[in-house]
Amino acid sequence: MDEHEPKEEQIETDFRNGTITTVGILLAFSLGFITHWAANPLPWEIYHLAAVVPILIGIALQIRALRLLLDTTSLQRRVHERATRIFIAGLIFTACGVGLAMLLDFYDLSTKSAVPGA
């Protein structure tokens, strides 16, 4: 090994495996939510895209993070931290989209269940 090249700091494999498990589980919940919401009996409107787009961006970021973590280079601290930052950004996008979806569904239900003429 060349003396001039600093050795890249590594993380423990157990820590990486735990991170992969966490990312996989939360990604599954995100995919499950979008699948469940797509099967919602309320009709979709164009304004629902305001919630769908951030959810899909968040899911794409979570998949990207999982792909990075599954690579053996994710044992390097800088790669692992990058994947973690991408995953957190994905969670934030997904959470914002889910919150907006809940508000839109609440709005749809409240306008459709209002008593006519009241």
Protein backbone atom coordinates (compact mmCIF):
# COMPACT_ATOMS: atom_id res chain seq x y z
CA MET A 1 0.00 0.00 0.00
CA ASP A 2 1.28 3.45 -0.86
CA GLU A 3 2.11 5.62 2.19
CA HIS A 4 0.72 8.72 0.51
CA GLU A 5 -2.80 7.31 0.19
CA PRO A 6 -4.76 7.58 3.43
CA LYS A 7 -6.76 4.46 4.25
CA GLU A 8 -10.48 5.03 3.81
CA GLU A 9 -12.38 4.82 7.09
CA GLN A 10 -14.69 1.79 7.19
CA ILE A 11 -17.88 1.10 9.12
CA GLU A 12 -18.79 -2.13 10.86
CA THR A 13 -20.65 -4.67 8.72
CA ASP A 14 -23.24 -5.16 11.50
CA PHE A 15 -24.02 -1.44 11.39
CA ARG A 16 -24.35 -1.53 7.59
CA ASN A 17 -26.63 -4.59 7.78
CA GLY A 18 -28.88 -2.84 10.29
CA THR A 19 -29.08 0.19 8.04
CA ILE A 20 -29.99 -1.98 5.04
CA THR A 21 -32.74 -3.64 7.08
CA THR A 22 -34.16 -0.28 8.17
CA VAL A 23 -34.08 1.14 4.65
CA GLY A 24 -35.74 -1.99 3.26
CA ILE A 25 -38.54 -1.96 5.80
CA LEU A 26 -39.32 1.73 5.39
CA LEU A 27 -39.17 1.41 1.61
CA ALA A 28 -41.69 -1.44 1.83
CA PHE A 29 -44.01 0.77 3.92
CA SER A 30 -43.69 3.56 1.34
CA LEU A 31 -44.49 1.22 -1.54
CA GLY A 32 -47.36 -0.24 0.47
CA PHE A 33 -48.83 3.21 1.08
CA ILE A 34 -48.76 4.23 -2.57
CA THR A 35 -50.30 0.88 -3.55
CA HIS A 36 -53.05 1.21 -0.95
CA TRP A 37 -53.74 4.82 -1.90
CA ALA A 38 -53.93 3.91 -5.59
CA ALA A 39 -56.67 1.41 -4.71
CA ASN A 40 -58.64 4.09 -2.82
CA PRO A 41 -62.31 4.06 -3.87
CA LEU A 42 -62.39 7.86 -4.14
CA PRO A 43 -61.89 8.99 -7.73
CA TRP A 44 -58.52 10.53 -8.56
CA GLU A 45 -58.36 14.17 -9.58
CA ILE A 46 -55.51 16.11 -11.19
CA TYR A 47 -54.70 17.87 -7.91
CA HIS A 48 -53.79 14.49 -6.39
CA LEU A 49 -50.57 14.73 -8.41
CA ALA A 50 -49.40 17.26 -5.81
CA ALA A 51 -49.20 14.35 -3.36
CA VAL A 52 -48.22 11.57 -5.75
CA VAL A 53 -45.15 13.33 -7.16
CA PRO A 54 -43.32 13.82 -3.83
CA ILE A 55 -44.19 10.26 -2.79
CA LEU A 56 -42.75 8.85 -6.01
CA ILE A 57 -39.64 11.05 -5.76
CA GLY A 58 -39.20 9.89 -2.16
CA ILE A 59 -39.57 6.24 -3.14
CA ALA A 60 -37.04 6.69 -5.96
CA LEU A 61 -34.56 8.23 -3.50
CA GLN A 62 -35.12 5.38 -1.04
CA ILE A 63 -34.48 2.83 -3.80
CA ARG A 64 -31.31 4.71 -4.77
CA ALA A 65 -30.13 4.63 -1.15
CA LEU A 66 -30.84 0.90 -0.89
CA ARG A 67 -28.90 0.27 -4.08
CA LEU A 68 -25.93 2.19 -2.71
CA LEU A 69 -26.09 0.33 0.59
CA LEU A 70 -26.22 -3.08 -1.08
CA ASP A 71 -22.93 -2.38 -2.88
CA THR A 72 -19.82 -3.53 -1.03
CA THR A 73 -18.37 -0.02 -1.29
CA SER A 74 -20.97 1.07 1.29
CA LEU A 75 -18.58 -0.22 3.94
CA GLN A 76 -16.64 2.99 3.30
CA ARG A 77 -17.87 5.66 5.69
CA ARG A 78 -18.28 8.36 3.01
CA VAL A 79 -20.40 6.08 0.79
CA HIS A 80 -22.53 4.95 3.75
CA GLU A 81 -23.11 8.53 4.89
CA ARG A 82 -24.07 9.59 1.35
CA ALA A 83 -26.57 6.73 1.09
CA THR A 84 -27.98 7.69 4.49
CA ARG A 85 -28.44 11.32 3.42
CA ILE A 86 -30.20 10.21 0.21
CA PHE A 87 -32.45 7.91 2.25
CA ILE A 88 -33.38 10.67 4.72
CA ALA A 89 -34.22 12.99 1.81
CA GLY A 90 -36.41 10.23 0.39
CA LEU A 91 -38.19 9.83 3.71
CA ILE A 92 -38.85 13.56 3.90
CA PHE A 93 -40.30 13.65 0.38
CA THR A 94 -42.44 10.59 1.08
CA ALA A 95 -43.68 11.94 4.42
CA CYS A 96 -44.64 15.26 2.85
CA GLY A 97 -46.49 13.47 0.07
CA VAL A 98 -48.29 11.17 2.51
CA GLY A 99 -49.32 14.15 4.65
CA LEU A 100 -50.61 15.97 1.60
CA ALA A 101 -52.45 12.84 0.44
CA MET A 102 -54.17 12.60 3.83
CA LEU A 103 -55.20 16.25 3.65
CA LEU A 104 -56.54 15.83 0.12
CA ASP A 105 -58.50 12.73 1.09
CA PHE A 106 -59.91 14.53 4.13
CA TYR A 107 -60.92 17.45 1.91
CA ASP A 108 -62.55 15.09 -0.62
CA LEU A 109 -64.48 13.27 2.08
CA SER A 110 -65.60 16.47 3.81
CA THR A 111 -66.90 18.04 0.60
CA LYS A 112 -68.69 14.88 -0.55
CA SER A 113 -70.29 14.10 2.81
CA ALA A 114 -71.58 17.58 3.46
CA VAL A 115 -75.34 17.75 3.89
CA PRO A 116 -76.88 19.16 0.69
CA GLY A 117 -78.58 22.52 1.14
CA ALA A 118 -77.07 23.11 4.57
